[in-house]
Amino acid sequence: MILLCAFFLAQTAIAGDDVPPVVLSGLNVYRTNSLQAAYEIWSKGTLENDKTSREAAISGLTQVESIYGKMTGYDVVKVVPIGAVVKRIYFVIHYEKGPVYAYFDCYNAGEKWMVSDLLFHTKANLVFPASLLGG
């Protein structure tokens, strides 16, 4: 049992190490500061001129906050490399009254990682592939 717990913790740490810093920085700012400040971090470089994505993400998560309360933390579920310079990272984001499921698509532009797409939803099956849900 102890060995199994140690293995799980090691795998979680490894998954967290594979997450581009831009995503983790935004999540930590979201937890401690605000959604708007987090989105500014996530959108720098690729999504910053996409007003539709900004409005959809902020509006959707503001609705979530009105029902679930404040964001309190997150779990990295899986990091999926897609070629040499792209990763999709799946998360469960914790709120006071419930979870939100998310993915971030990230692109390595040589000098830094940028978020090229993101999706949040309260229904896991609309964000996660069936393989992550036991199917």
Protein backbone atom coordinates (compact mmCIF):
# COMPACT_ATOMS: atom_id res chain seq x y z
CA MET A 1 0.00 0.00 0.00
CA ILE A 2 2.77 2.46 0.90
CA LEU A 3 4.63 1.57 -2.29
CA LEU A 4 1.48 2.18 -4.34
CA CYS A 5 0.97 5.62 -2.71
CA ALA A 6 4.61 6.53 -3.33
CA PHE A 7 4.27 5.51 -6.98
CA PHE A 8 1.09 7.61 -7.38
CA LEU A 9 2.71 10.66 -5.78
CA ALA A 10 5.78 10.27 -8.00
CA GLN A 11 3.59 10.06 -11.11
CA THR A 12 1.67 13.20 -10.06
CA ALA A 13 4.93 15.09 -9.56
CA ILE A 14 6.21 13.95 -12.95
CA ALA A 15 2.98 15.04 -14.65
CA GLY A 16 3.20 18.44 -12.94
CA ASP A 17 6.79 18.84 -14.13
CA ASP A 18 5.65 18.35 -17.74
CA VAL A 19 3.10 21.16 -17.57
CA PRO A 20 4.27 24.35 -19.28
CA PRO A 21 4.90 27.14 -16.74
CA VAL A 22 2.42 29.50 -18.43
CA VAL A 23 -0.46 27.18 -17.50
CA LEU A 24 0.62 26.67 -13.89
CA SER A 25 1.31 30.38 -13.42
CA GLY A 26 -2.18 31.22 -14.63
CA LEU A 27 -3.83 28.61 -12.41
CA ASN A 28 -1.93 29.84 -9.36
CA VAL A 29 -2.85 33.47 -10.12
CA TYR A 30 -6.47 32.40 -10.58
CA ARG A 31 -6.48 30.73 -7.16
CA THR A 32 -4.82 33.65 -5.35
CA ASN A 33 -5.85 36.71 -7.37
CA SER A 34 -8.47 36.73 -10.15
CA LEU A 35 -9.75 35.01 -13.25
CA GLN A 36 -9.02 38.08 -15.38
CA ALA A 37 -5.38 38.16 -14.23
CA ALA A 38 -5.06 34.43 -14.99
CA TYR A 39 -6.50 34.86 -18.48
CA GLU A 40 -3.98 37.63 -19.18
CA ILE A 41 -1.19 35.13 -18.45
CA TRP A 42 -2.75 32.35 -20.53
CA SER A 43 -3.49 34.58 -23.52
CA LYS A 44 -0.10 36.26 -23.88
CA GLY A 45 1.33 35.61 -27.32
CA THR A 46 -1.49 33.71 -29.00
CA LEU A 47 -4.96 34.40 -27.64
CA GLU A 48 -4.46 38.02 -26.57
CA ASN A 49 -6.24 39.46 -29.62
CA ASP A 50 -9.02 36.85 -29.59
CA LYS A 51 -11.79 38.74 -27.81
CA THR A 52 -14.32 35.96 -28.46
CA SER A 53 -12.23 33.35 -26.63
CA ARG A 54 -11.57 35.77 -23.77
CA GLU A 55 -15.25 36.63 -23.34
CA ALA A 56 -16.32 32.97 -23.54
CA ALA A 57 -13.73 31.78 -21.00
CA ILE A 58 -14.28 34.59 -18.52
CA SER A 59 -18.07 34.53 -18.85
CA GLY A 60 -18.21 30.74 -18.49
CA LEU A 61 -15.94 30.60 -15.46
CA THR A 62 -17.73 33.55 -13.85
CA GLN A 63 -20.96 31.51 -14.11
CA VAL A 64 -19.16 28.52 -12.58
CA GLU A 65 -17.94 30.69 -9.71
CA SER A 66 -21.49 31.91 -9.05
CA ILE A 67 -22.59 28.28 -8.54
CA TYR A 68 -19.45 26.47 -7.27
CA GLY A 69 -17.75 29.30 -5.39
CA LYS A 70 -14.07 30.19 -5.39
CA MET A 71 -11.38 28.19 -7.18
CA THR A 72 -9.37 26.35 -4.50
CA GLY A 73 -6.87 24.18 -6.39
CA TYR A 74 -6.37 21.76 -9.25
CA ASP A 75 -5.13 18.31 -10.24
CA VAL A 76 -3.07 17.57 -13.33
CA VAL A 77 -4.83 14.57 -14.85
CA LYS A 78 -2.66 13.92 -17.89
CA VAL A 79 -0.11 15.58 -20.15
CA VAL A 80 -0.34 14.44 -23.76
CA PRO A 81 2.50 15.34 -26.14
CA ILE A 82 1.22 16.01 -29.66
CA GLY A 83 4.36 16.03 -31.73
CA ALA A 84 7.55 17.76 -30.62
CA VAL A 85 6.22 21.24 -29.80
CA VAL A 86 2.58 20.80 -28.74
CA LYS A 87 1.07 19.45 -25.51
CA ARG A 88 -2.50 19.05 -24.31
CA ILE A 89 -2.83 19.10 -20.53
CA TYR A 90 -5.98 17.84 -18.82
CA PHE A 91 -6.94 19.20 -15.40
CA VAL A 92 -9.61 18.94 -12.76
CA ILE A 93 -10.01 22.40 -11.27
CA HIS A 94 -11.36 22.42 -7.73
CA TYR A 95 -13.94 24.93 -6.55
CA GLU A 96 -15.56 25.15 -3.12
CA LYS A 97 -18.67 23.25 -4.26
CA GLY A 98 -17.62 21.18 -7.26
CA PRO A 99 -15.13 20.40 -10.03
CA VAL A 100 -14.57 21.87 -13.46
CA TYR A 101 -12.79 19.88 -16.17
CA ALA A 102 -10.31 21.63 -18.42
CA TYR A 103 -7.69 21.26 -21.05
CA PHE A 104 -5.00 23.62 -22.23
CA ASP A 105 -3.30 23.20 -25.61
CA CYS A 106 0.22 24.61 -25.47
CA TYR A 107 2.72 25.42 -28.19
CA ASN A 108 6.46 25.75 -27.67
CA ALA A 109 7.54 28.75 -29.73
CA GLY A 110 11.22 28.00 -29.17
CA GLU A 111 11.87 30.37 -26.29
CA LYS A 112 8.68 29.86 -24.33
CA TRP A 113 5.43 27.94 -24.09
CA MET A 114 2.17 29.65 -25.05
CA VAL A 115 -1.45 28.59 -24.62
CA SER A 116 -3.02 28.17 -28.06
CA ASP A 117 -6.43 26.88 -26.91
CA LEU A 118 -8.27 26.15 -23.70
CA LEU A 119 -11.59 24.64 -22.71
CA PHE A 120 -13.46 24.50 -19.40
CA HIS A 121 -16.68 22.62 -18.67
CA THR A 122 -18.59 21.15 -15.74
CA LYS A 123 -19.16 17.91 -17.69
CA ALA A 124 -16.07 15.72 -17.86
CA ASN A 125 -17.17 13.90 -21.02
CA LEU A 126 -17.19 17.18 -22.96
CA VAL A 127 -13.52 17.85 -22.14
CA PHE A 128 -11.81 14.52 -21.50
CA PRO A 129 -11.47 11.69 -24.03
CA ALA A 130 -13.29 8.50 -23.09
CA SER A 131 -9.96 6.81 -22.28
CA LEU A 132 -9.49 9.20 -19.32
CA LEU A 133 -12.96 8.37 -18.04
CA GLY A 134 -12.45 4.62 -17.95
CA GLY A 135 -14.05 3.99 -21.34
